[in-house]
């Protein structure tokens, strides 16, 4: 995420703790690994990726009699724009992970849910939940445990 040109801040862990930063930069990306499981020769991680931006009010003022600006049909804030941008960012990140990172694979489908003001902090964006698979040899034992 840190290399994506549209993401200003990257965090990991509980998304509710992001607000602890006094002046975070936006848009932000947050990854949380909720659990993992060992299968035959792989490790499967359950991940939640959140991409969010701060909702801003659109300026409804115009200057001069010829410059008439009308508020678009979707309201007076930029939530539609944020949803479009953050969905594109998630698509970039997950496509790169699935097709350009060796030894990583995304299992099954990716669930995407749009949100607005879920965190009581004026953020909107998308949350993606998916399973990330990595290779795991699972040797019998890495260390000799017998005395």
Foldseek 3Di string as FASTA:
>chain_A
DVPDPQADEEEEDDPLCVVVDPDDDPQYKYKYFDDWDDDDFKIKTKMKIWTKGAKDFADQDFPDPVTHDDDDPVDGICQVVQAVVQVVVVVVVQVCQQPPDPQKHWPDDKDKDWDACPSVPRMTYIMIITMIMGGHRCDVDPDDPDD
